[in-house]
Amino acid sequence: MRDHAKGGALTEVTFYILLSLYTPKHGYAVMQFIEEKTGGRLSLGAGTLYGALNSLWEKGWIEPCGDHTGRKKEYSITMQGKEIAEKELARLNELVSIASEIIGGAV
């Protein structure tokens, strides 16, 4: 995964995963969230999603939560993950602001 905590841009998929986990969800619900919020533009396969979830867990940005006795493991965003998501939102807002100045809000 190309995401970096130190000022680098998150991938779009990573950002959506973090956003989805502000409310705890299992993997399939994360896939549904992303597909719904992007109008089907982004659609993740199970292998891609679970690889990303494992990577984000290793980074400490998300964590398992709730009861782990069933097959569906739920995840939630950690405080560190929220900080990363907030930095990405600020980066994107800055990008949109600069682009709007240059383009003149024509879009």
PDB file of N, CA and C in Angstrom:
ATOM      1  N   MET A   1       0.837  -1.176   0.000  1.00  0.00           N
ATOM      2  CA  MET A   1       0.000   0.000   0.000  1.00  0.00           C
ATOM      3  C   MET A   1       0.883   1.241   0.000  1.00  0.00           C
ATOM      4  N   ARG A   2       0.544   2.226  -0.810  1.00  0.00           N
ATOM      5  CA  ARG A   2       1.394   3.400  -1.002  1.00  0.00           C
ATOM      6  C   ARG A   2       1.111   4.520  -0.027  1.00  0.00           C
ATOM      7  N   ASP A   3       0.307   4.301   0.962  1.00  0.00           N
ATOM      8  CA  ASP A   3      -0.089   5.372   1.863  1.00  0.00           C
ATOM      9  C   ASP A   3       0.994   5.647   2.897  1.00  0.00           C
ATOM     10  N   HIS A   4       1.160   6.928   3.200  1.00  0.00           N
ATOM     11  CA  HIS A   4       2.190   7.336   4.142  1.00  0.00           C
ATOM     12  C   HIS A   4       1.586   8.247   5.200  1.00  0.00           C
ATOM     13  N   ALA A   5       2.039   8.087   6.420  1.00  0.00           N
ATOM     14  CA  ALA A   5       1.538   8.920   7.508  1.00  0.00           C
ATOM     15  C   ALA A   5       2.174  10.300   7.494  1.00  0.00           C
ATOM     16  N   LYS A   6       3.315  10.464   6.867  1.00  0.00           N
ATOM     17  CA  LYS A   6       4.064  11.717   6.928  1.00  0.00           C
ATOM     18  C   LYS A   6       3.833  12.566   5.685  1.00  0.00           C
ATOM     19  N   GLY A   7       2.665  13.173   5.589  1.00  0.00           N
ATOM     20  CA  GLY A   7       2.419  14.145   4.544  1.00  0.00           C
ATOM     21  C   GLY A   7       2.080  13.599   3.176  1.00  0.00           C
ATOM     22  N   GLY A   8       2.209  12.317   2.953  1.00  0.00           N
ATOM     23  CA  GLY A   8       1.893  11.758   1.652  1.00  0.00           C
ATOM     24  C   GLY A   8       0.400  11.589   1.476  1.00  0.00           C
ATOM     25  N   ALA A   9      -0.023  11.552   0.236  1.00  0.00           N
ATOM     26  CA  ALA A   9      -1.437  11.377  -0.062  1.00  0.00           C
ATOM     27  C   ALA A   9      -1.859   9.933   0.181  1.00  0.00           C
ATOM     28  N   LEU A  10      -3.065   9.776   0.665  1.00  0.00           N
ATOM     29  CA  LEU A  10      -3.647   8.441   0.783  1.00  0.00           C
ATOM     30  C   LEU A  10      -4.211   8.042  -0.568  1.00  0.00           C
ATOM     31  N   THR A  11      -4.277   6.758  -0.813  1.00  0.00           N
ATOM     32  CA  THR A  11      -5.018   6.317  -1.996  1.00  0.00           C
ATOM     33  C   THR A  11      -6.493   6.577  -1.730  1.00  0.00           C
ATOM     34  N   GLU A  12      -7.247   6.702  -2.785  1.00  0.00           N
ATOM     35  CA  GLU A  12      -8.680   6.949  -2.648  1.00  0.00           C
ATOM     36  C   GLU A  12      -9.353   5.806  -1.878  1.00  0.00           C
ATOM     37  N   VAL A  13      -8.970   4.584  -2.178  1.00  0.00           N
ATOM     38  CA  VAL A  13      -9.555   3.427  -1.504  1.00  0.00           C
ATOM     39  C   VAL A  13      -9.258   3.462  -0.005  1.00  0.00           C
ATOM     40  N   THR A  14      -8.023   3.762   0.360  1.00  0.00           N
ATOM     41  CA  THR A  14      -7.669   3.830   1.776  1.00  0.00           C
ATOM     42  C   THR A  14      -8.493   4.891   2.489  1.00  0.00           C
ATOM     43  N   PHE A  15      -8.631   6.047   1.867  1.00  0.00           N
ATOM     44  CA  PHE A  15      -9.408   7.127   2.479  1.00  0.00           C
ATOM     45  C   PHE A  15     -10.856   6.687   2.688  1.00  0.00           C
ATOM     46  N   TYR A  16     -11.446   6.044   1.696  1.00  0.00           N
ATOM     47  CA  TYR A  16     -12.815   5.563   1.842  1.00  0.00           C
ATOM     48  C   TYR A  16     -12.933   4.491   2.929  1.00  0.00           C
ATOM     49  N   ILE A  17     -11.952   3.607   3.025  1.00  0.00           N
ATOM     50  CA  ILE A  17     -11.988   2.590   4.079  1.00  0.00           C
ATOM     51  C   ILE A  17     -11.973   3.267   5.441  1.00  0.00           C
ATOM     52  N   LEU A  18     -11.069   4.223   5.634  1.00  0.00           N
ATOM     53  CA  LEU A  18     -11.015   4.926   6.913  1.00  0.00           C
ATOM     54  C   LEU A  18     -12.331   5.636   7.207  1.00  0.00           C
ATOM     55  N   LEU A  19     -12.891   6.311   6.219  1.00  0.00           N
ATOM     56  CA  LEU A  19     -14.169   6.993   6.413  1.00  0.00           C
ATOM     57  C   LEU A  19     -15.274   6.013   6.791  1.00  0.00           C
ATOM     58  N   SER A  20     -15.277   4.871   6.132  1.00  0.00           N
ATOM     59  CA  SER A  20     -16.330   3.890   6.397  1.00  0.00           C
ATOM     60  C   SER A  20     -16.281   3.374   7.829  1.00  0.00           C
ATOM     61  N   LEU A  21     -15.091   3.362   8.421  1.00  0.00           N
ATOM     62  CA  LEU A  21     -14.924   2.750   9.745  1.00  0.00           C
ATOM     63  C   LEU A  21     -15.087   3.730  10.892  1.00  0.00           C
ATOM     64  N   TYR A  22     -15.569   4.935  10.619  1.00  0.00           N
ATOM     65  CA  TYR A  22     -15.972   5.820  11.718  1.00  0.00           C
ATOM     66  C   TYR A  22     -17.142   5.186  12.462  1.00  0.00           C
ATOM     67  N   THR A  23     -17.858   4.322  11.779  1.00  0.00           N
ATOM     68  CA  THR A  23     -18.864   3.450  12.391  1.00  0.00           C
ATOM     69  C   THR A  23     -18.373   2.028  12.162  1.00  0.00           C
ATOM     70  N   PRO A  24     -18.227   1.208  13.214  1.00  0.00           N
ATOM     71  CA  PRO A  24     -17.687  -0.149  13.025  1.00  0.00           C
ATOM     72  C   PRO A  24     -18.445  -0.936  11.956  1.00  0.00           C
ATOM     73  N   LYS A  25     -17.680  -1.644  11.144  1.00  0.00           N
ATOM     74  CA  LYS A  25     -18.265  -2.441  10.061  1.00  0.00           C
ATOM     75  C   LYS A  25     -17.430  -3.690   9.833  1.00  0.00           C
ATOM     76  N   HIS A  26     -18.064  -4.708   9.292  1.00  0.00           N
ATOM     77  CA  HIS A  26     -17.331  -5.880   8.812  1.00  0.00           C
ATOM     78  C   HIS A  26     -16.971  -5.629   7.350  1.00  0.00           C
ATOM     79  N   GLY A  27     -16.112  -6.474   6.809  1.00  0.00           N
ATOM     80  CA  GLY A  27     -15.562  -6.261   5.478  1.00  0.00           C
ATOM     81  C   GLY A  27     -16.588  -6.045   4.387  1.00  0.00           C
ATOM     82  N   TYR A  28     -17.627  -6.876   4.355  1.00  0.00           N
ATOM     83  CA  TYR A  28     -18.622  -6.747   3.295  1.00  0.00           C
ATOM     84  C   TYR A  28     -19.330  -5.399   3.390  1.00  0.00           C
ATOM     85  N   ALA A  29     -19.600  -4.928   4.606  1.00  0.00           N
ATOM     86  CA  ALA A  29     -20.252  -3.626   4.789  1.00  0.00           C
ATOM     87  C   ALA A  29     -19.338  -2.491   4.325  1.00  0.00           C
ATOM     88  N   VAL A  30     -18.022  -2.652   4.499  1.00  0.00           N
ATOM     89  CA  VAL A  30     -17.070  -1.658   3.995  1.00  0.00           C
ATOM     90  C   VAL A  30     -17.147  -1.613   2.470  1.00  0.00           C
ATOM     91  N   MET A  31     -17.173  -2.770   1.823  1.00  0.00           N
ATOM     92  CA  MET A  31     -17.282  -2.822   0.360  1.00  0.00           C
ATOM     93  C   MET A  31     -18.568  -2.138  -0.105  1.00  0.00           C
ATOM     94  N   GLN A  32     -19.678  -2.403   0.577  1.00  0.00           N
ATOM     95  CA  GLN A  32     -20.958  -1.793   0.213  1.00  0.00           C
ATOM     96  C   GLN A  32     -20.917  -0.280   0.393  1.00  0.00           C
ATOM     97  N   PHE A  33     -20.330   0.174   1.508  1.00  0.00           N
ATOM     98  CA  PHE A  33     -20.203   1.605   1.778  1.00  0.00           C
ATOM     99  C   PHE A  33     -19.470   2.303   0.629  1.00  0.00           C
ATOM    100  N   ILE A  34     -18.330   1.759   0.240  1.00  0.00           N
ATOM    101  CA  ILE A  34     -17.509   2.377  -0.799  1.00  0.00           C
ATOM    102  C   ILE A  34     -18.240   2.384  -2.139  1.00  0.00           C
ATOM    103  N   GLU A  35     -18.859   1.287  -2.471  1.00  0.00           N
ATOM    104  CA  GLU A  35     -19.585   1.226  -3.740  1.00  0.00           C
ATOM    105  C   GLU A  35     -20.750   2.210  -3.748  1.00  0.00           C
ATOM    106  N   GLU A  36     -21.460   2.301  -2.635  1.00  0.00           N
ATOM    107  CA  GLU A  36     -22.597   3.217  -2.544  1.00  0.00           C
ATOM    108  C   GLU A  36     -22.141   4.680  -2.613  1.00  0.00           C
ATOM    109  N   LYS A  37     -21.116   5.036  -1.837  1.00  0.00           N
ATOM    110  CA  LYS A  37     -20.666   6.434  -1.772  1.00  0.00           C
ATOM    111  C   LYS A  37     -20.047   6.909  -3.084  1.00  0.00           C
ATOM    112  N   THR A  38     -19.510   5.990  -3.868  1.00  0.00           N
ATOM    113  CA  THR A  38     -18.902   6.371  -5.149  1.00  0.00           C
ATOM    114  C   THR A  38     -19.825   6.100  -6.331  1.00  0.00           C
ATOM    115  N   GLY A  39     -21.057   5.737  -6.066  1.00  0.00           N
ATOM    116  CA  GLY A  39     -21.998   5.461  -7.149  1.00  0.00           C
ATOM    117  C   GLY A  39     -21.558   4.321  -8.038  1.00  0.00           C
ATOM    118  N   GLY A  40     -20.812   3.372  -7.455  1.00  0.00           N
ATOM    119  CA  GLY A  40     -20.346   2.215  -8.202  1.00  0.00           C
ATOM    120  C   GLY A  40     -19.031   2.433  -8.940  1.00  0.00           C
ATOM    121  N   ARG A  41     -18.499   3.643  -8.874  1.00  0.00           N
ATOM    122  CA  ARG A  41     -17.222   3.935  -9.548  1.00  0.00           C
ATOM    123  C   ARG A  41     -16.087   3.106  -8.963  1.00  0.00           C
ATOM    124  N   LEU A  42     -16.099   2.908  -7.647  1.00  0.00           N
ATOM    125  CA  LEU A  42     -15.127   2.040  -6.993  1.00  0.00           C
ATOM    126  C   LEU A  42     -15.843   0.803  -6.482  1.00  0.00           C
ATOM    127  N   SER A  43     -15.316  -0.332  -6.842  1.00  0.00           N
ATOM    128  CA  SER A  43     -15.871  -1.603  -6.395  1.00  0.00           C
ATOM    129  C   SER A  43     -14.696  -2.507  -6.040  1.00  0.00           C
ATOM    130  N   LEU A  44     -14.596  -2.881  -4.769  1.00  0.00           N
ATOM    131  CA  LEU A  44     -13.454  -3.664  -4.306  1.00  0.00           C
ATOM    132  C   LEU A  44     -13.763  -5.148  -4.288  1.00  0.00           C
ATOM    133  N   GLY A  45     -12.777  -5.929  -4.677  1.00  0.00           N
ATOM    134  CA  GLY A  45     -12.864  -7.363  -4.506  1.00  0.00           C
ATOM    135  C   GLY A  45     -12.485  -7.722  -3.082  1.00  0.00           C
ATOM    136  N   ALA A  46     -12.881  -8.889  -2.649  1.00  0.00           N
ATOM    137  CA  ALA A  46     -12.612  -9.318  -1.279  1.00  0.00           C
ATOM    138  C   ALA A  46     -11.115  -9.363  -0.983  1.00  0.00           C
ATOM    139  N   GLY A  47     -10.327  -9.881  -1.907  1.00  0.00           N
ATOM    140  CA  GLY A  47      -8.887  -9.981  -1.687  1.00  0.00           C
ATOM    141  C   GLY A  47      -8.237  -8.616  -1.511  1.00  0.00           C
ATOM    142  N   THR A  48      -8.636  -7.662  -2.342  1.00  0.00           N
ATOM    143  CA  THR A  48      -8.106  -6.302  -2.238  1.00  0.00           C
ATOM    144  C   THR A  48      -8.491  -5.681  -0.908  1.00  0.00           C
ATOM    145  N   LEU A  49      -9.770  -5.821  -0.543  1.00  0.00           N
ATOM    146  CA  LEU A  49     -10.250  -5.222   0.696  1.00  0.00           C
ATOM    147  C   LEU A  49      -9.549  -5.812   1.914  1.00  0.00           C
ATOM    148  N   TYR A  50      -9.496  -7.132   1.999  1.00  0.00           N
ATOM    149  CA  TYR A  50      -8.920  -7.739   3.200  1.00  0.00           C
ATOM    150  C   TYR A  50      -7.416  -7.511   3.274  1.00  0.00           C
ATOM    151  N   GLY A  51      -6.750  -7.395   2.144  1.00  0.00           N
ATOM    152  CA  GLY A  51      -5.340  -7.017   2.144  1.00  0.00           C
ATOM    153  C   GLY A  51      -5.165  -5.605   2.685  1.00  0.00           C
ATOM    154  N   ALA A  52      -6.036  -4.698   2.269  1.00  0.00           N
ATOM    155  CA  ALA A  52      -5.984  -3.313   2.743  1.00  0.00           C
ATOM    156  C   ALA A  52      -6.303  -3.240   4.231  1.00  0.00           C
ATOM    157  N   LEU A  53      -7.325  -3.977   4.678  1.00  0.00           N
ATOM    158  CA  LEU A  53      -7.674  -3.984   6.102  1.00  0.00           C
ATOM    159  C   LEU A  53      -6.506  -4.478   6.952  1.00  0.00           C
ATOM    160  N   ASN A  54      -5.855  -5.542   6.504  1.00  0.00           N
ATOM    161  CA  ASN A  54      -4.701  -6.059   7.253  1.00  0.00           C
ATOM    162  C   ASN A  54      -3.577  -5.033   7.312  1.00  0.00           C
ATOM    163  N   SER A  55      -3.320  -4.363   6.206  1.00  0.00           N
ATOM    164  CA  SER A  55      -2.275  -3.345   6.166  1.00  0.00           C
ATOM    165  C   SER A  55      -2.597  -2.177   7.099  1.00  0.00           C
ATOM    166  N   LEU A  56      -3.837  -1.730   7.079  1.00  0.00           N
ATOM    167  CA  LEU A  56      -4.249  -0.621   7.945  1.00  0.00           C
ATOM    168  C   LEU A  56      -4.201  -1.026   9.418  1.00  0.00           C
ATOM    169  N   TRP A  57      -4.513  -2.270   9.703  1.00  0.00           N
ATOM    170  CA  TRP A  57      -4.430  -2.786  11.071  1.00  0.00           C
ATOM    171  C   TRP A  57      -2.972  -2.799  11.535  1.00  0.00           C
ATOM    172  N   GLU A  58      -2.075  -3.253  10.666  1.00  0.00           N
ATOM    173  CA  GLU A  58      -0.644  -3.276  11.000  1.00  0.00           C
ATOM    174  C   GLU A  58      -0.111  -1.869  11.254  1.00  0.00           C
ATOM    175  N   LYS A  59      -0.629  -0.868  10.543  1.00  0.00           N
ATOM    176  CA  LYS A  59      -0.203   0.516  10.738  1.00  0.00           C
ATOM    177  C   LYS A  59      -0.809   1.131  12.000  1.00  0.00           C
ATOM    178  N   GLY A  60      -1.810   0.475  12.565  1.00  0.00           N
ATOM    179  CA  GLY A  60      -2.470   1.012  13.749  1.00  0.00           C
ATOM    180  C   GLY A  60      -3.558   2.018  13.438  1.00  0.00           C
ATOM    181  N   TRP A  61      -3.995   2.076  12.183  1.00  0.00           N
ATOM    182  CA  TRP A  61      -5.020   3.036  11.782  1.00  0.00           C
ATOM    183  C   TRP A  61      -6.427   2.508  12.009  1.00  0.00           C
ATOM    184  N   ILE A  62      -6.587   1.191  12.045  1.00  0.00           N
ATOM    185  CA  ILE A  62      -7.874   0.559  12.357  1.00  0.00           C
ATOM    186  C   ILE A  62      -7.600  -0.570  13.342  1.00  0.00           C
ATOM    187  N   GLU A  63      -8.674  -1.074  13.957  1.00  0.00           N
ATOM    188  CA  GLU A  63      -8.536  -2.189  14.884  1.00  0.00           C
ATOM    189  C   GLU A  63      -9.807  -3.025  14.859  1.00  0.00           C
ATOM    190  N   PRO A  64      -9.666  -4.319  15.157  1.00  0.00           N
ATOM    191  CA  PRO A  64     -10.851  -5.154  15.275  1.00  0.00           C
ATOM    192  C   PRO A  64     -11.649  -4.703  16.503  1.00  0.00           C
ATOM    193  N   CYS A  65     -12.935  -4.864  16.452  1.00  0.00           N
ATOM    194  CA  CYS A  65     -13.769  -4.503  17.597  1.00  0.00           C
ATOM    195  C   CYS A  65     -14.929  -5.482  17.692  1.00  0.00           C
ATOM    196  N   GLY A  66     -15.587  -5.460  18.817  1.00  0.00           N
ATOM    197  CA  GLY A  66     -16.764  -6.297  19.011  1.00  0.00           C
ATOM    198  C   GLY A  66     -16.417  -7.754  19.226  1.00  0.00           C
ATOM    199  N   ASP A  67     -17.406  -8.582  19.011  1.00  0.00           N
ATOM    200  CA  ASP A  67     -17.313 -10.021  19.233  1.00  0.00           C
ATOM    201  C   ASP A  67     -16.619 -10.681  18.045  1.00  0.00           C
ATOM    202  N   HIS A  68     -15.597 -11.469  18.313  1.00  0.00           N
ATOM    203  CA  HIS A  68     -14.832 -12.117  17.237  1.00  0.00           C
ATOM    204  C   HIS A  68     -15.169 -13.606  17.098  1.00  0.00           C
ATOM    205  N   THR A  69     -16.268 -14.044  17.691  1.00  0.00           N
ATOM    206  CA  THR A  69     -16.576 -15.472  17.644  1.00  0.00           C
ATOM    207  C   THR A  69     -17.150 -15.901  16.304  1.00  0.00           C
ATOM    208  N   GLY A  70     -17.799 -14.997  15.587  1.00  0.00           N
ATOM    209  CA  GLY A  70     -18.369 -15.343  14.285  1.00  0.00           C
ATOM    210  C   GLY A  70     -17.361 -15.167  13.175  1.00  0.00           C
ATOM    211  N   ARG A  71     -17.809 -15.445  11.958  1.00  0.00           N
ATOM    212  CA  ARG A  71     -16.930 -15.301  10.794  1.00  0.00           C
ATOM    213  C   ARG A  71     -16.675 -13.842  10.444  1.00  0.00           C
ATOM    214  N   LYS A  72     -17.638 -12.978  10.749  1.00  0.00           N
ATOM    215  CA  LYS A  72     -17.526 -11.578  10.369  1.00  0.00           C
ATOM    216  C   LYS A  72     -16.787 -10.790  11.445  1.00  0.00           C
ATOM    217  N   LYS A  73     -15.585 -10.359  11.115  1.00  0.00           N
ATOM    218  CA  LYS A  73     -14.801  -9.541  12.031  1.00  0.00           C
ATOM    219  C   LYS A  73     -15.113  -8.082  11.738  1.00  0.00           C
ATOM    220  N   GLU A  74     -15.483  -7.345  12.788  1.00  0.00           N
ATOM    221  CA  GLU A  74     -15.748  -5.920  12.623  1.00  0.00           C
ATOM    222  C   GLU A  74     -14.492  -5.121  12.936  1.00  0.00           C
ATOM    223  N   TYR A  75     -14.367  -4.006  12.243  1.00  0.00           N
ATOM    224  CA  TYR A  75     -13.242  -3.102  12.440  1.00  0.00           C
ATOM    225  C   TYR A  75     -13.767  -1.710  12.742  1.00  0.00           C
ATOM    226  N   SER A  76     -12.942  -0.919  13.421  1.00  0.00           N
ATOM    227  CA  SER A  76     -13.248   0.496  13.621  1.00  0.00           C
ATOM    228  C   SER A  76     -11.957   1.287  13.472  1.00  0.00           C
ATOM    229  N   ILE A  77     -12.107   2.562  13.205  1.00  0.00           N
ATOM    230  CA  ILE A  77     -10.950   3.437  13.033  1.00  0.00           C
ATOM    231  C   ILE A  77     -10.380   3.787  14.409  1.00  0.00           C
ATOM    232  N   THR A  78      -9.072   3.894  14.511  1.00  0.00           N
ATOM    233  CA  THR A  78      -8.406   4.275  15.757  1.00  0.00           C
ATOM    234  C   THR A  78      -8.216   5.794  15.782  1.00  0.00           C
ATOM    235  N   MET A  79      -7.758   6.304  16.909  1.00  0.00           N
ATOM    236  CA  MET A  79      -7.459   7.741  16.997  1.00  0.00           C
ATOM    237  C   MET A  79      -6.381   8.124  15.976  1.00  0.00           C
ATOM    238  N   GLN A  80      -5.374   7.263  15.816  1.00  0.00           N
ATOM    239  CA  GLN A  80      -4.329   7.534  14.826  1.00  0.00           C
ATOM    240  C   GLN A  80      -4.929   7.553  13.419  1.00  0.00           C
ATOM    241  N   GLY A  81      -5.829   6.616  13.142  1.00  0.00           N
ATOM    242  CA  GLY A  81      -6.502   6.589  11.845  1.00  0.00           C
ATOM    243  C   GLY A  81      -7.322   7.839  11.598  1.00  0.00           C
ATOM    244  N   LYS A  82      -7.979   8.340  12.648  1.00  0.00           N
ATOM    245  CA  LYS A  82      -8.758   9.578  12.516  1.00  0.00           C
ATOM    246  C   LYS A  82      -7.843  10.757  12.215  1.00  0.00           C
ATOM    247  N   GLU A  83      -6.675  10.805  12.863  1.00  0.00           N
ATOM    248  CA  GLU A  83      -5.720  11.875  12.585  1.00  0.00           C
ATOM    249  C   GLU A  83      -5.267  11.828  11.128  1.00  0.00           C
ATOM    250  N   ILE A  84      -5.016  10.621  10.631  1.00  0.00           N
ATOM    251  CA  ILE A  84      -4.594  10.453   9.233  1.00  0.00           C
ATOM    252  C   ILE A  84      -5.713  10.912   8.292  1.00  0.00           C
ATOM    253  N   ALA A  85      -6.955  10.515   8.579  1.00  0.00           N
ATOM    254  CA  ALA A  85      -8.091  10.904   7.736  1.00  0.00           C
ATOM    255  C   ALA A  85      -8.284  12.417   7.755  1.00  0.00           C
ATOM    256  N   GLU A  86      -8.126  13.039   8.924  1.00  0.00           N
ATOM    257  CA  GLU A  86      -8.278  14.493   9.018  1.00  0.00           C
ATOM    258  C   GLU A  86      -7.193  15.218   8.235  1.00  0.00           C
ATOM    259  N   LYS A  87      -5.964  14.716   8.282  1.00  0.00           N
ATOM    260  CA  LYS A  87      -4.874  15.312   7.499  1.00  0.00           C
ATOM    261  C   LYS A  87      -5.159  15.182   6.008  1.00  0.00           C
ATOM    262  N   GLU A  88      -5.707  14.040   5.606  1.00  0.00           N
ATOM    263  CA  GLU A  88      -6.031  13.849   4.188  1.00  0.00           C
ATOM    264  C   GLU A  88      -7.137  14.800   3.760  1.00  0.00           C
ATOM    265  N   LEU A  89      -8.139  14.992   4.605  1.00  0.00           N
ATOM    266  CA  LEU A  89      -9.208  15.926   4.286  1.00  0.00           C
ATOM    267  C   LEU A  89      -8.652  17.339   4.130  1.00  0.00           C
ATOM    268  N   ALA A  90      -7.758  17.750   5.021  1.00  0.00           N
ATOM    269  CA  ALA A  90      -7.141  19.077   4.921  1.00  0.00           C
ATOM    270  C   ALA A  90      -6.334  19.191   3.626  1.00  0.00           C
ATOM    271  N   ARG A  91      -5.590  18.132   3.271  1.00  0.00           N
ATOM    272  CA  ARG A  91      -4.800  18.133   2.037  1.00  0.00           C
ATOM    273  C   ARG A  91      -5.715  18.278   0.822  1.00  0.00           C
ATOM    274  N   LEU A  92      -6.808  17.538   0.812  1.00  0.00           N
ATOM    275  CA  LEU A  92      -7.745  17.597  -0.313  1.00  0.00           C
ATOM    276  C   LEU A  92      -8.421  18.965  -0.400  1.00  0.00           C
ATOM    277  N   ASN A  93      -8.782  19.542   0.744  1.00  0.00           N
ATOM    278  CA  ASN A  93      -9.385  20.883   0.741  1.00  0.00           C
ATOM    279  C   ASN A  93      -8.423  21.920   0.188  1.00  0.00           C
ATOM    280  N   GLU A  94      -7.153  21.801   0.565  1.00  0.00           N
ATOM    281  CA  GLU A  94      -6.140  22.724   0.038  1.00  0.00           C
ATOM    282  C   GLU A  94      -6.012  22.565  -1.478  1.00  0.00           C
ATOM    283  N   LEU A  95      -5.999  21.329  -1.931  1.00  0.00           N
ATOM    284  CA  LEU A  95      -5.908  21.044  -3.364  1.00  0.00           C
ATOM    285  C   LEU A  95      -7.082  21.653  -4.118  1.00  0.00           C
ATOM    286  N   VAL A  96      -8.281  21.473  -3.602  1.00  0.00           N
ATOM    287  CA  VAL A  96      -9.476  22.017  -4.251  1.00  0.00           C
ATOM    288  C   VAL A  96      -9.435  23.544  -4.246  1.00  0.00           C
ATOM    289  N   SER A  97      -8.987  24.138  -3.150  1.00  0.00           N
ATOM    290  CA  SER A  97      -8.902  25.593  -3.063  1.00  0.00           C
ATOM    291  C   SER A  97      -7.939  26.159  -4.110  1.00  0.00           C
ATOM    292  N   ILE A  98      -6.771  25.566  -4.206  1.00  0.00           N
ATOM    293  CA  ILE A  98      -5.783  26.038  -5.177  1.00  0.00           C
ATOM    294  C   ILE A  98      -6.284  25.831  -6.604  1.00  0.00           C
ATOM    295  N   ALA A  99      -6.855  24.679  -6.860  1.00  0.00           N
ATOM    296  CA  ALA A  99      -7.377  24.389  -8.196  1.00  0.00           C
ATOM    297  C   ALA A  99      -8.501  25.351  -8.552  1.00  0.00           C
ATOM    298  N   SER A 100      -9.366  25.674  -7.597  1.00  0.00           N
ATOM    299  CA  SER A 100     -10.465  26.610  -7.852  1.00  0.00           C
ATOM    300  C   SER A 100      -9.945  28.011  -8.173  1.00  0.00           C
ATOM    301  N   GLU A 101      -8.871  28.429  -7.476  1.00  0.00           N
ATOM    302  CA  GLU A 101      -8.260  29.738  -7.774  1.00  0.00           C
ATOM    303  C   GLU A 101      -7.743  29.768  -9.206  1.00  0.00           C
ATOM    304  N   ILE A 102      -7.087  28.684  -9.609  1.00  0.00           N
ATOM    305  CA  ILE A 102      -6.464  28.643 -10.930  1.00  0.00           C
ATOM    306  C   ILE A 102      -7.505  28.498 -12.035  1.00  0.00           C
ATOM    307  N   ILE A 103      -8.434  27.606 -11.824  1.00  0.00           N
ATOM    308  CA  ILE A 103      -9.446  27.335 -12.851  1.00  0.00           C
ATOM    309  C   ILE A 103     -10.544  28.394 -12.807  1.00  0.00           C
ATOM    310  N   GLY A 104     -10.720  29.029 -11.665  1.00  0.00           N
ATOM    311  CA  GLY A 104     -11.718  30.081 -11.545  1.00  0.00           C
ATOM    312  C   GLY A 104     -13.097  29.556 -11.216  1.00  0.00           C
ATOM    313  N   GLY A 105     -13.152  28.383 -10.630  1.00  0.00           N
ATOM    314  CA  GLY A 105     -14.443  27.824 -10.255  1.00  0.00           C
ATOM    315  C   GLY A 105     -15.273  27.430 -11.444  1.00  0.00           C
ATOM    316  N   ALA A 106     -14.632  27.247 -12.606  1.00  0.00           N
ATOM    317  CA  ALA A 106     -15.365  26.920 -13.840  1.00  0.00           C
ATOM    318  C   ALA A 106     -15.955  25.515 -13.820  1.00  0.00           C
ATOM    319  N   VAL A 107     -15.469  24.676 -12.896  1.00  0.00           N
ATOM    320  CA  VAL A 107     -15.950  23.298 -12.883  1.00  0.00           C
ATOM    321  C   VAL A 107     -17.164  23.174 -12.026  1.00  0.00           C
TER     322      VAL A 107
END
